Amino acid sequence: MSSRVNLGKALPDLYQAVVGLDRSATNALNAAGIASGFAHLIALRVSQLNQCAFCVRLHARDALATGETTDRIAMLRLGENRATSLARSALHWIWARP
């Protein structure tokens, strides 16, 4: 099995760009009044769509740390059909991004 790439060491400029993007997204969600736990669920879903295992793990842990339940995290993918209008709007916003 190959070892994992440490993006911060291998490509520090790219890593800093990703950190900046995350910071910008977090600021936008905060400005929109999105609760921190829900914001982590949004980030988690984006990471699932991007298929980034590192980010999925990171955002799942962050969501748990802000009080999200394991049930909400586990059902995130299925929740698209059961989401509230706010959640559905947030998920549609994610899908619309290029």
Protein backbone atom coordinates (compact mmCIF):
# COMPACT_ATOMS: atom_id res chain seq x y z
CA MET A 1 0.00 0.00 0.00
CA SER A 2 1.38 3.40 -0.91
CA SER A 3 1.80 6.07 1.71
CA ARG A 4 -0.43 9.11 1.81
CA VAL A 5 0.75 12.35 0.29
CA ASN A 6 1.12 15.22 2.73
CA LEU A 7 -0.20 18.02 0.54
CA GLY A 8 1.11 20.68 2.91
CA LYS A 9 4.65 19.42 2.43
CA ALA A 10 4.46 18.22 -1.18
CA LEU A 11 2.64 21.25 -2.62
CA PRO A 12 2.50 23.98 0.04
CA ASP A 13 1.17 26.66 -2.34
CA LEU A 14 -1.72 24.43 -3.42
CA TYR A 15 -2.42 23.48 0.19
CA GLN A 16 -2.56 27.17 1.20
CA ALA A 17 -4.95 27.84 -1.68
CA VAL A 18 -7.26 25.07 -0.42
CA VAL A 19 -7.07 26.47 3.12
CA GLY A 20 -7.96 29.92 1.74
CA LEU A 21 -10.93 28.50 -0.17
CA ASP A 22 -12.16 26.77 2.99
CA ARG A 23 -11.78 30.02 4.94
CA SER A 24 -13.74 31.94 2.27
CA ALA A 25 -16.52 29.35 2.24
CA THR A 26 -16.70 29.38 6.04
CA ASN A 27 -16.92 33.19 6.08
CA ALA A 28 -19.70 33.13 3.47
CA LEU A 29 -21.67 30.53 5.43
CA ASN A 30 -21.23 32.52 8.66
CA ALA A 31 -22.36 35.72 6.92
CA ALA A 32 -25.45 33.89 5.65
CA GLY A 33 -26.32 32.86 9.21
CA ILE A 34 -25.77 29.15 8.60
CA ALA A 35 -25.22 27.27 11.87
CA SER A 36 -21.70 25.95 12.36
CA GLY A 37 -22.75 22.29 12.54
CA PHE A 38 -24.82 22.57 9.40
CA ALA A 39 -21.95 24.38 7.67
CA HIS A 40 -19.73 21.37 8.44
CA LEU A 41 -22.38 19.08 6.95
CA ILE A 42 -22.30 21.19 3.78
CA ALA A 43 -18.50 20.96 3.69
CA LEU A 44 -18.74 17.22 4.30
CA ARG A 45 -21.14 16.77 1.39
CA VAL A 46 -18.88 18.80 -0.90
CA SER A 47 -15.96 16.60 0.15
CA GLN A 48 -18.01 13.50 -0.60
CA LEU A 49 -18.78 14.85 -4.07
CA ASN A 50 -15.09 15.67 -4.58
CA GLN A 51 -14.16 12.20 -3.27
CA CYS A 52 -11.51 13.61 -0.96
CA ALA A 53 -11.05 11.10 1.85
CA PHE A 54 -8.92 13.49 3.92
CA CYS A 55 -11.56 16.23 3.75
CA VAL A 56 -14.44 13.81 4.41
CA ARG A 57 -12.74 12.67 7.60
CA LEU A 58 -11.86 16.25 8.60
CA HIS A 59 -15.36 17.64 8.08
CA ALA A 60 -17.05 14.64 9.71
CA ARG A 61 -14.91 15.19 12.82
CA ASP A 62 -15.63 18.94 12.74
CA ALA A 63 -19.37 18.29 12.43
CA LEU A 64 -19.28 15.94 15.41
CA ALA A 65 -17.30 18.49 17.42
CA THR A 66 -20.01 21.12 16.82
CA GLY A 67 -22.75 18.82 18.04
CA GLU A 68 -23.97 17.18 14.84
CA THR A 69 -25.09 13.60 15.40
CA THR A 70 -23.66 10.50 13.81
CA ASP A 71 -27.15 9.83 12.43
CA ARG A 72 -27.22 13.13 10.53
CA ILE A 73 -23.72 12.50 9.19
CA ALA A 74 -24.54 8.92 8.20
CA MET A 75 -27.77 9.97 6.47
CA LEU A 76 -26.29 13.02 4.74
CA ARG A 77 -26.39 11.47 1.27
CA LEU A 78 -29.89 10.15 1.75
CA GLY A 79 -31.01 13.39 3.34
CA GLU A 80 -31.13 15.16 0.00
CA ASN A 81 -34.62 13.79 -0.44
CA ARG A 82 -35.70 14.55 3.13
CA ALA A 83 -34.03 17.89 3.70
CA THR A 84 -35.74 21.02 4.95
CA SER A 85 -36.11 23.82 2.44
CA LEU A 86 -33.03 25.56 3.88
CA ALA A 87 -30.98 22.38 3.70
CA ARG A 88 -32.25 21.63 0.21
CA SER A 89 -31.31 25.16 -0.90
CA ALA A 90 -27.81 24.75 0.53
CA LEU A 91 -27.37 21.40 -1.19
CA HIS A 92 -28.58 22.83 -4.51
CA TRP A 93 -26.10 25.69 -4.10
CA ILE A 94 -23.31 23.10 -3.70
CA TRP A 95 -24.37 21.19 -6.82
CA ALA A 96 -24.59 24.37 -8.90
CA ARG A 97 -20.95 25.28 -8.25
CA PRO A 98 -18.63 24.57 -11.19
